[in-house]
């Protein structure tokens, strides 16, 4: 685990938010905005399911829509992800 003061220094030295996120992710060894369970190929499949779901089922809210996409992705054999993770993947891809 990296000490928060060290991470704060990376953020303080960065000119933009994207630079700060990239520096922190380099230190932690994590890709930006991708849940640990999800690979890039799976993310593209989730985006495809999302596009297909948009036209198929109406939803009450964003959370409900992300829940529908998560259920459809799970039924197609992708790892079980939370609606919040689905939302992050879709926002990062768009």
PDB file of N, CA and C in Angstrom:
ATOM      1  N   UNK A   1       0.836  -1.174   0.000  1.00  0.00           N
ATOM      2  CA  UNK A   1       0.000   0.000   0.000  1.00  0.00           C
ATOM      3  C   UNK A   1       0.884   1.242   0.000  1.00  0.00           C
ATOM      4  N   UNK A   2       0.542   2.193  -0.807  1.00  0.00           N
ATOM      5  CA  UNK A   2       1.288   3.438  -0.916  1.00  0.00           C
ATOM      6  C   UNK A   2       0.746   4.440   0.092  1.00  0.00           C
ATOM      7  N   UNK A   3       1.650   5.129   0.750  1.00  0.00           N
ATOM      8  CA  UNK A   3       1.242   6.119   1.753  1.00  0.00           C
ATOM      9  C   UNK A   3       0.479   7.255   1.072  1.00  0.00           C
ATOM     10  N   UNK A   4      -0.625   7.721   1.655  1.00  0.00           N
ATOM     11  CA  UNK A   4      -1.424   8.793   1.039  1.00  0.00           C
ATOM     12  C   UNK A   4      -0.641  10.076   0.781  1.00  0.00           C
ATOM     13  N   UNK A   5       0.356  10.371   1.602  1.00  0.00           N
ATOM     14  CA  UNK A   5       1.147  11.589   1.392  1.00  0.00           C
ATOM     15  C   UNK A   5       1.925  11.519   0.080  1.00  0.00           C
ATOM     16  N   UNK A   6       2.389  10.331  -0.267  1.00  0.00           N
ATOM     17  CA  UNK A   6       3.116  10.160  -1.535  1.00  0.00           C
ATOM     18  C   UNK A   6       2.162  10.359  -2.706  1.00  0.00           C
ATOM     19  N   UNK A   7       0.976   9.786  -2.631  1.00  0.00           N
ATOM     20  CA  UNK A   7      -0.013   9.959  -3.691  1.00  0.00           C
ATOM     21  C   UNK A   7      -0.419  11.425  -3.813  1.00  0.00           C
ATOM     22  N   UNK A   8      -0.541  12.104  -2.668  1.00  0.00           N
ATOM     23  CA  UNK A   8      -0.901  13.525  -2.678  1.00  0.00           C
ATOM     24  C   UNK A   8       0.157  14.339  -3.415  1.00  0.00           C
ATOM     25  N   UNK A   9       1.431  13.968  -3.235  1.00  0.00           N
ATOM     26  CA  UNK A   9       2.505  14.689  -3.912  1.00  0.00           C
ATOM     27  C   UNK A   9       2.396  14.525  -5.432  1.00  0.00           C
ATOM     28  N   UNK A  10       2.051  13.328  -5.906  1.00  0.00           N
ATOM     29  CA  UNK A  10       1.869  13.113  -7.345  1.00  0.00           C
ATOM     30  C   UNK A  10       0.742  13.992  -7.884  1.00  0.00           C
ATOM     31  N   UNK A  11      -0.338  14.067  -7.133  1.00  0.00           N
ATOM     32  CA  UNK A  11      -1.480  14.867  -7.557  1.00  0.00           C
ATOM     33  C   UNK A  11      -1.114  16.351  -7.554  1.00  0.00           C
ATOM     34  N   UNK A  12      -0.366  16.793  -6.546  1.00  0.00           N
ATOM     35  CA  UNK A  12       0.011  18.202  -6.456  1.00  0.00           C
ATOM     36  C   UNK A  12       0.951  18.611  -7.591  1.00  0.00           C
ATOM     37  N   UNK A  13       1.806  17.695  -8.049  1.00  0.00           N
ATOM     38  CA  UNK A  13       2.760  17.997  -9.118  1.00  0.00           C
ATOM     39  C   UNK A  13       2.136  17.957 -10.508  1.00  0.00           C
ATOM     40  N   UNK A  14       0.942  17.442 -10.628  1.00  0.00           N
ATOM     41  CA  UNK A  14       0.293  17.274 -11.930  1.00  0.00           C
ATOM     42  C   UNK A  14      -0.411  18.552 -12.358  1.00  0.00           C
ATOM     43  N   UNK A  15      -0.388  18.799 -13.667  1.00  0.00           N
ATOM     44  CA  UNK A  15      -1.050  19.981 -14.200  1.00  0.00           C
ATOM     45  C   UNK A  15      -2.536  19.748 -14.448  1.00  0.00           C
ATOM     46  N   UNK A  16      -2.903  18.526 -14.835  1.00  0.00           N
ATOM     47  CA  UNK A  16      -4.300  18.223 -15.105  1.00  0.00           C
ATOM     48  C   UNK A  16      -4.729  17.006 -14.304  1.00  0.00           C
ATOM     49  N   UNK A  17      -6.018  16.797 -14.223  1.00  0.00           N
ATOM     50  CA  UNK A  17      -6.553  15.640 -13.518  1.00  0.00           C
ATOM     51  C   UNK A  17      -6.119  14.341 -14.199  1.00  0.00           C
ATOM     52  N   UNK A  18      -6.080  14.343 -15.533  1.00  0.00           N
ATOM     53  CA  UNK A  18      -5.678  13.140 -16.259  1.00  0.00           C
ATOM     54  C   UNK A  18      -4.234  12.763 -15.941  1.00  0.00           C
ATOM     55  N   UNK A  19      -3.351  13.773 -15.841  1.00  0.00           N
ATOM     56  CA  UNK A  19      -1.954  13.508 -15.476  1.00  0.00           C
ATOM     57  C   UNK A  19      -1.859  12.900 -14.088  1.00  0.00           C
ATOM     58  N   UNK A  20      -2.642  13.444 -13.166  1.00  0.00           N
ATOM     59  CA  UNK A  20      -2.634  12.943 -11.793  1.00  0.00           C
ATOM     60  C   UNK A  20      -3.101  11.496 -11.744  1.00  0.00           C
ATOM     61  N   UNK A  21      -4.179  11.191 -12.448  1.00  0.00           N
ATOM     62  CA  UNK A  21      -4.704   9.820 -12.471  1.00  0.00           C
ATOM     63  C   UNK A  21      -3.682   8.879 -13.083  1.00  0.00           C
ATOM     64  N   UNK A  22      -3.048   9.290 -14.167  1.00  0.00           N
ATOM     65  CA  UNK A  22      -2.038   8.450 -14.816  1.00  0.00           C
ATOM     66  C   UNK A  22      -0.859   8.178 -13.884  1.00  0.00           C
ATOM     67  N   UNK A  23      -0.400   9.203 -13.166  1.00  0.00           N
ATOM     68  CA  UNK A  23       0.731   9.025 -12.253  1.00  0.00           C
ATOM     69  C   UNK A  23       0.377   8.085 -11.105  1.00  0.00           C
ATOM     70  N   UNK A  24      -0.800   8.277 -10.531  1.00  0.00           N
ATOM     71  CA  UNK A  24      -1.224   7.420  -9.425  1.00  0.00           C
ATOM     72  C   UNK A  24      -1.386   5.979  -9.906  1.00  0.00           C
ATOM     73  N   UNK A  25      -1.975   5.797 -11.078  1.00  0.00           N
ATOM     74  CA  UNK A  25      -2.146   4.445 -11.612  1.00  0.00           C
ATOM     75  C   UNK A  25      -0.813   3.794 -11.929  1.00  0.00           C
ATOM     76  N   UNK A  26       0.181   4.579 -12.375  1.00  0.00           N
ATOM     77  CA  UNK A  26       1.514   4.029 -12.614  1.00  0.00           C
ATOM     78  C   UNK A  26       2.132   3.530 -11.313  1.00  0.00           C
ATOM     79  N   UNK A  27       1.963   4.309 -10.249  1.00  0.00           N
ATOM     80  CA  UNK A  27       2.517   3.918  -8.958  1.00  0.00           C
ATOM     81  C   UNK A  27       1.818   2.664  -8.430  1.00  0.00           C
ATOM     82  N   UNK A  28       0.503   2.644  -8.543  1.00  0.00           N
ATOM     83  CA  UNK A  28      -0.267   1.513  -8.027  1.00  0.00           C
ATOM     84  C   UNK A  28      -0.278   0.318  -8.969  1.00  0.00           C
ATOM     85  N   UNK A  29       0.051   0.537 -10.240  1.00  0.00           N
ATOM     86  CA  UNK A  29       0.033  -0.543 -11.212  1.00  0.00           C
ATOM     87  C   UNK A  29      -1.354  -0.911 -11.674  1.00  0.00           C
ATOM     88  N   UNK A  30      -2.252   0.054 -11.719  1.00  0.00           N
ATOM     89  CA  UNK A  30      -3.633  -0.201 -12.126  1.00  0.00           C
ATOM     90  C   UNK A  30      -3.952   0.525 -13.427  1.00  0.00           C
ATOM     91  N   UNK A  31      -4.778  -0.061 -14.284  1.00  0.00           N
ATOM     92  CA  UNK A  31      -5.248   0.679 -15.448  1.00  0.00           C
ATOM     93  C   UNK A  31      -6.298   1.700 -15.031  1.00  0.00           C
ATOM     94  N   UNK A  32      -6.421   2.755 -15.784  1.00  0.00           N
ATOM     95  CA  UNK A  32      -7.343   3.829 -15.424  1.00  0.00           C
ATOM     96  C   UNK A  32      -8.795   3.420 -15.615  1.00  0.00           C
ATOM     97  N   UNK A  33      -9.603   3.564 -14.578  1.00  0.00           N
ATOM     98  CA  UNK A  33     -11.055   3.401 -14.619  1.00  0.00           C
ATOM     99  C   UNK A  33     -11.535   2.059 -15.138  1.00  0.00           C
ATOM    100  N   UNK A  34     -10.791   0.995 -14.917  1.00  0.00           N
ATOM    101  CA  UNK A  34     -11.244  -0.325 -15.328  1.00  0.00           C
ATOM    102  C   UNK A  34     -11.314  -1.213 -14.097  1.00  0.00           C
ATOM    103  N   UNK A  35     -12.458  -1.803 -13.798  1.00  0.00           N
ATOM    104  CA  UNK A  35     -12.540  -2.697 -12.653  1.00  0.00           C
ATOM    105  C   UNK A  35     -11.561  -3.861 -12.794  1.00  0.00           C
ATOM    106  N   UNK A  36     -11.046  -4.339 -11.674  1.00  0.00           N
ATOM    107  CA  UNK A  36     -10.022  -5.377 -11.704  1.00  0.00           C
ATOM    108  C   UNK A  36     -10.492  -6.643 -12.407  1.00  0.00           C
ATOM    109  N   UNK A  37     -11.774  -6.969 -12.300  1.00  0.00           N
ATOM    110  CA  UNK A  37     -12.285  -8.205 -12.900  1.00  0.00           C
ATOM    111  C   UNK A  37     -12.457  -8.114 -14.415  1.00  0.00           C
ATOM    112  N   UNK A  38     -12.422  -6.919 -14.978  1.00  0.00           N
ATOM    113  CA  UNK A  38     -12.799  -6.720 -16.372  1.00  0.00           C
ATOM    114  C   UNK A  38     -11.580  -6.479 -17.256  1.00  0.00           C
ATOM    115  N   UNK A  39     -11.474  -7.257 -18.329  1.00  0.00           N
ATOM    116  CA  UNK A  39     -10.404  -7.068 -19.307  1.00  0.00           C
ATOM    117  C   UNK A  39     -10.924  -6.176 -20.437  1.00  0.00           C
ATOM    118  N   UNK A  40     -10.014  -5.697 -21.270  1.00  0.00           N
ATOM    119  CA  UNK A  40     -10.426  -4.766 -22.325  1.00  0.00           C
ATOM    120  C   UNK A  40     -11.360  -5.434 -23.337  1.00  0.00           C
ATOM    121  N   UNK A  41     -11.143  -6.710 -23.639  1.00  0.00           N
ATOM    122  CA  UNK A  41     -12.036  -7.410 -24.570  1.00  0.00           C
ATOM    123  C   UNK A  41     -13.443  -7.527 -23.980  1.00  0.00           C
ATOM    124  N   UNK A  42     -13.495  -7.768 -22.673  1.00  0.00           N
ATOM    125  CA  UNK A  42     -14.794  -7.857 -22.013  1.00  0.00           C
ATOM    126  C   UNK A  42     -15.475  -6.494 -21.986  1.00  0.00           C
ATOM    127  N   UNK A  43     -14.685  -5.438 -21.836  1.00  0.00           N
ATOM    128  CA  UNK A  43     -15.254  -4.085 -21.833  1.00  0.00           C
ATOM    129  C   UNK A  43     -15.909  -3.782 -23.173  1.00  0.00           C
ATOM    130  N   UNK A  44     -15.279  -4.198 -24.264  1.00  0.00           N
ATOM    131  CA  UNK A  44     -15.882  -3.948 -25.579  1.00  0.00           C
ATOM    132  C   UNK A  44     -17.173  -4.746 -25.743  1.00  0.00           C
ATOM    133  N   UNK A  45     -17.228  -5.960 -25.182  1.00  0.00           N
ATOM    134  CA  UNK A  45     -18.465  -6.740 -25.235  1.00  0.00           C
ATOM    135  C   UNK A  45     -19.566  -6.068 -24.418  1.00  0.00           C
ATOM    136  N   UNK A  46     -19.184  -5.486 -23.287  1.00  0.00           N
ATOM    137  CA  UNK A  46     -20.170  -4.788 -22.453  1.00  0.00           C
ATOM    138  C   UNK A  46     -20.719  -3.583 -23.191  1.00  0.00           C
ATOM    139  N   UNK A  47     -19.866  -2.879 -23.933  1.00  0.00           N
ATOM    140  CA  UNK A  47     -20.329  -1.732 -24.724  1.00  0.00           C
ATOM    141  C   UNK A  47     -21.304  -2.210 -25.800  1.00  0.00           C
ATOM    142  N   UNK A  48     -21.008  -3.345 -26.444  1.00  0.00           N
ATOM    143  CA  UNK A  48     -21.922  -3.901 -27.461  1.00  0.00           C
ATOM    144  C   UNK A  48     -23.265  -4.263 -26.833  1.00  0.00           C
ATOM    145  N   UNK A  49     -23.236  -4.910 -25.672  1.00  0.00           N
ATOM    146  CA  UNK A  49     -24.474  -5.273 -24.980  1.00  0.00           C
ATOM    147  C   UNK A  49     -25.250  -4.012 -24.619  1.00  0.00           C
ATOM    148  N   UNK A  50     -24.528  -2.980 -24.205  1.00  0.00           N
ATOM    149  CA  UNK A  50     -25.166  -1.718 -23.846  1.00  0.00           C
ATOM    150  C   UNK A  50     -25.903  -1.112 -25.030  1.00  0.00           C
ATOM    151  N   UNK A  51     -25.257  -1.083 -26.186  1.00  0.00           N
ATOM    152  CA  UNK A  51     -25.891  -0.530 -27.383  1.00  0.00           C
ATOM    153  C   UNK A  51     -27.123  -1.353 -27.768  1.00  0.00           C
ATOM    154  N   UNK A  52     -27.024  -2.662 -27.648  1.00  0.00           N
ATOM    155  CA  UNK A  52     -28.134  -3.540 -27.985  1.00  0.00           C
ATOM    156  C   UNK A  52     -29.278  -3.335 -26.982  1.00  0.00           C
ATOM    157  N   UNK A  53     -28.930  -3.172 -25.703  1.00  0.00           N
ATOM    158  CA  UNK A  53     -29.941  -3.014 -24.649  1.00  0.00           C
ATOM    159  C   UNK A  53     -30.683  -1.690 -24.744  1.00  0.00           C
ATOM    160  N   UNK A  54     -30.002  -0.648 -25.213  1.00  0.00           N
ATOM    161  CA  UNK A  54     -30.626   0.682 -25.287  1.00  0.00           C
ATOM    162  C   UNK A  54     -31.919   0.652 -26.085  1.00  0.00           C
ATOM    163  N   UNK A  55     -31.884  -0.043 -27.200  1.00  0.00           N
ATOM    164  CA  UNK A  55     -33.030  -0.073 -28.100  1.00  0.00           C
ATOM    165  C   UNK A  55     -34.051  -1.129 -27.701  1.00  0.00           C
ATOM    166  N   UNK A  56     -33.672  -2.067 -26.866  1.00  0.00           N
ATOM    167  CA  UNK A  56     -34.534  -3.190 -26.557  1.00  0.00           C
ATOM    168  C   UNK A  56     -35.444  -2.951 -25.358  1.00  0.00           C
ATOM    169  N   UNK A  57     -34.873  -2.427 -24.269  1.00  0.00           N
ATOM    170  CA  UNK A  57     -35.645  -2.302 -23.026  1.00  0.00           C
ATOM    171  C   UNK A  57     -35.614  -0.866 -22.524  1.00  0.00           C
ATOM    172  N   UNK A  58     -36.752  -0.301 -22.187  1.00  0.00           N
ATOM    173  CA  UNK A  58     -36.738   1.025 -21.555  1.00  0.00           C
ATOM    174  C   UNK A  58     -36.287   0.890 -20.095  1.00  0.00           C
ATOM    175  N   UNK A  59     -35.664   1.931 -19.573  1.00  0.00           N
ATOM    176  CA  UNK A  59     -35.226   1.885 -18.175  1.00  0.00           C
ATOM    177  C   UNK A  59     -35.656   3.153 -17.449  1.00  0.00           C
ATOM    178  N   UNK A  60     -35.821   3.017 -16.142  1.00  0.00           N
ATOM    179  CA  UNK A  60     -36.298   4.122 -15.319  1.00  0.00           C
ATOM    180  C   UNK A  60     -35.197   5.131 -15.005  1.00  0.00           C
ATOM    181  N   UNK A  61     -33.968   4.638 -14.882  1.00  0.00           N
ATOM    182  CA  UNK A  61     -32.854   5.495 -14.480  1.00  0.00           C
ATOM    183  C   UNK A  61     -31.551   4.915 -15.023  1.00  0.00           C
ATOM    184  N   UNK A  62     -30.465   5.661 -14.849  1.00  0.00           N
ATOM    185  CA  UNK A  62     -29.160   5.154 -15.272  1.00  0.00           C
ATOM    186  C   UNK A  62     -28.803   3.890 -14.506  1.00  0.00           C
ATOM    187  N   UNK A  63     -29.062   3.905 -13.188  1.00  0.00           N
ATOM    188  CA  UNK A  63     -28.749   2.732 -12.376  1.00  0.00           C
ATOM    189  C   UNK A  63     -29.525   1.503 -12.863  1.00  0.00           C
ATOM    190  N   UNK A  64     -30.778   1.687 -13.148  1.00  0.00           N
ATOM    191  CA  UNK A  64     -31.601   0.579 -13.647  1.00  0.00           C
ATOM    192  C   UNK A  64     -31.068   0.080 -14.990  1.00  0.00           C
ATOM    193  N   UNK A  65     -30.660   1.004 -15.848  1.00  0.00           N
ATOM    194  CA  UNK A  65     -30.097   0.641 -17.152  1.00  0.00           C
ATOM    195  C   UNK A  65     -28.799  -0.152 -16.971  1.00  0.00           C
ATOM    196  N   UNK A  66     -27.906   0.330 -16.077  1.00  0.00           N
ATOM    197  CA  UNK A  66     -26.642  -0.372 -15.833  1.00  0.00           C
ATOM    198  C   UNK A  66     -26.902  -1.744 -15.226  1.00  0.00           C
ATOM    199  N   UNK A  67     -27.947  -1.859 -14.398  1.00  0.00           N
ATOM    200  CA  UNK A  67     -28.312  -3.143 -13.823  1.00  0.00           C
ATOM    201  C   UNK A  67     -28.765  -4.112 -14.918  1.00  0.00           C
ATOM    202  N   UNK A  68     -29.549  -3.617 -15.875  1.00  0.00           N
ATOM    203  CA  UNK A  68     -29.986  -4.459 -16.986  1.00  0.00           C
ATOM    204  C   UNK A  68     -28.790  -4.938 -17.809  1.00  0.00           C
ATOM    205  N   UNK A  69     -27.847  -4.030 -18.074  1.00  0.00           N
ATOM    206  CA  UNK A  69     -26.655  -4.400 -18.845  1.00  0.00           C
ATOM    207  C   UNK A  69     -25.832  -5.434 -18.079  1.00  0.00           C
ATOM    208  N   UNK A  70     -25.689  -5.257 -16.757  1.00  0.00           N
ATOM    209  CA  UNK A  70     -24.932  -6.206 -15.934  1.00  0.00           C
ATOM    210  C   UNK A  70     -25.569  -7.592 -15.965  1.00  0.00           C
ATOM    211  N   UNK A  71     -26.892  -7.652 -15.858  1.00  0.00           N
ATOM    212  CA  UNK A  71     -27.595  -8.937 -15.899  1.00  0.00           C
ATOM    213  C   UNK A  71     -27.431  -9.606 -17.261  1.00  0.00           C
ATOM    214  N   UNK A  72     -27.539  -8.823 -18.324  1.00  0.00           N
ATOM    215  CA  UNK A  72     -27.380  -9.375 -19.678  1.00  0.00           C
ATOM    216  C   UNK A  72     -25.958  -9.864 -19.901  1.00  0.00           C
ATOM    217  N   UNK A  73     -24.969  -9.109 -19.423  1.00  0.00           N
ATOM    218  CA  UNK A  73     -23.563  -9.508 -19.566  1.00  0.00           C
ATOM    219  C   UNK A  73     -23.300 -10.808 -18.807  1.00  0.00           C
ATOM    220  N   UNK A  74     -23.861 -10.922 -17.603  1.00  0.00           N
ATOM    221  CA  UNK A  74     -23.684 -12.141 -16.806  1.00  0.00           C
ATOM    222  C   UNK A  74     -24.322 -13.334 -17.505  1.00  0.00           C
ATOM    223  N   UNK A  75     -25.481 -13.123 -18.117  1.00  0.00           N
ATOM    224  CA  UNK A  75     -26.149 -14.233 -18.812  1.00  0.00           C
ATOM    225  C   UNK A  75     -25.386 -14.667 -20.064  1.00  0.00           C
ATOM    226  N   UNK A  76     -24.543 -13.771 -20.601  1.00  0.00           N
ATOM    227  CA  UNK A  76     -23.747 -14.117 -21.775  1.00  0.00           C
ATOM    228  C   UNK A  76     -22.372 -14.661 -21.412  1.00  0.00           C
ATOM    229  N   UNK A  77     -22.130 -14.893 -20.113  1.00  0.00           N
ATOM    230  CA  UNK A  77     -20.897 -15.531 -19.684  1.00  0.00           C
ATOM    231  C   UNK A  77     -19.779 -14.591 -19.270  1.00  0.00           C
ATOM    232  N   UNK A  78     -20.046 -13.310 -19.194  1.00  0.00           N
ATOM    233  CA  UNK A  78     -19.036 -12.364 -18.730  1.00  0.00           C
ATOM    234  C   UNK A  78     -19.033 -12.358 -17.197  1.00  0.00           C
ATOM    235  N   UNK A  79     -17.949 -11.875 -16.577  1.00  0.00           N
ATOM    236  CA  UNK A  79     -17.918 -11.867 -15.104  1.00  0.00           C
ATOM    237  C   UNK A  79     -19.009 -10.972 -14.517  1.00  0.00           C
ATOM    238  N   UNK A  80     -19.466 -11.341 -13.334  1.00  0.00           N
ATOM    239  CA  UNK A  80     -20.504 -10.558 -12.661  1.00  0.00           C
ATOM    240  C   UNK A  80     -19.907  -9.239 -12.188  1.00  0.00           C
ATOM    241  N   UNK A  81     -20.450  -8.146 -12.674  1.00  0.00           N
ATOM    242  CA  UNK A  81     -20.004  -6.809 -12.289  1.00  0.00           C
ATOM    243  C   UNK A  81     -21.174  -6.025 -11.732  1.00  0.00           C
ATOM    244  N   UNK A  82     -20.877  -5.093 -10.849  1.00  0.00           N
ATOM    245  CA  UNK A  82     -21.924  -4.272 -10.268  1.00  0.00           C
ATOM    246  C   UNK A  82     -22.406  -3.238 -11.286  1.00  0.00           C
ATOM    247  N   UNK A  83     -23.611  -2.707 -11.101  1.00  0.00           N
ATOM    248  CA  UNK A  83     -24.084  -1.646 -11.994  1.00  0.00           C
ATOM    249  C   UNK A  83     -23.144  -0.445 -12.016  1.00  0.00           C
ATOM    250  N   UNK A  84     -22.543  -0.147 -10.875  1.00  0.00           N
ATOM    251  CA  UNK A  84     -21.599   0.972 -10.821  1.00  0.00           C
ATOM    252  C   UNK A  84     -20.368   0.704 -11.692  1.00  0.00           C
ATOM    253  N   UNK A  85     -19.860  -0.536 -11.658  1.00  0.00           N
ATOM    254  CA  UNK A  85     -18.717  -0.894 -12.510  1.00  0.00           C
ATOM    255  C   UNK A  85     -19.086  -0.821 -13.983  1.00  0.00           C
ATOM    256  N   UNK A  86     -20.288  -1.274 -14.310  1.00  0.00           N
ATOM    257  CA  UNK A  86     -20.761  -1.189 -15.693  1.00  0.00           C
ATOM    258  C   UNK A  86     -20.799   0.279 -16.123  1.00  0.00           C
ATOM    259  N   UNK A  87     -21.315   1.142 -15.268  1.00  0.00           N
ATOM    260  CA  UNK A  87     -21.365   2.571 -15.571  1.00  0.00           C
ATOM    261  C   UNK A  87     -19.989   3.146 -15.812  1.00  0.00           C
ATOM    262  N   UNK A  88     -19.015   2.760 -14.997  1.00  0.00           N
ATOM    263  CA  UNK A  88     -17.649   3.253 -15.173  1.00  0.00           C
ATOM    264  C   UNK A  88     -17.049   2.786 -16.492  1.00  0.00           C
ATOM    265  N   UNK A  89     -17.302   1.544 -16.830  1.00  0.00           N
ATOM    266  CA  UNK A  89     -16.780   1.012 -18.094  1.00  0.00           C
ATOM    267  C   UNK A  89     -17.382   1.773 -19.267  1.00  0.00           C
ATOM    268  N   UNK A  90     -18.698   1.962 -19.237  1.00  0.00           N
ATOM    269  CA  UNK A  90     -19.369   2.642 -20.345  1.00  0.00           C
ATOM    270  C   UNK A  90     -18.935   4.104 -20.447  1.00  0.00           C
ATOM    271  N   UNK A  91     -18.768   4.774 -19.318  1.00  0.00           N
ATOM    272  CA  UNK A  91     -18.318   6.172 -19.353  1.00  0.00           C
ATOM    273  C   UNK A  91     -16.898   6.288 -19.871  1.00  0.00           C
ATOM    274  N   UNK A  92     -16.037   5.326 -19.533  1.00  0.00           N
ATOM    275  CA  UNK A  92     -14.650   5.349 -20.006  1.00  0.00           C
ATOM    276  C   UNK A  92     -14.570   5.054 -21.500  1.00  0.00           C
ATOM    277  N   UNK A  93     -15.481   4.230 -22.004  1.00  0.00           N
ATOM    278  CA  UNK A  93     -15.455   3.840 -23.413  1.00  0.00           C
ATOM    279  C   UNK A  93     -16.068   4.900 -24.315  1.00  0.00           C
ATOM    280  N   UNK A  94     -16.969   5.693 -23.787  1.00  0.00           N
ATOM    281  CA  UNK A  94     -17.672   6.689 -24.612  1.00  0.00           C
ATOM    282  C   UNK A  94     -16.990   7.982 -24.613  1.00  0.00           C
TER     283      UNK A  94
END
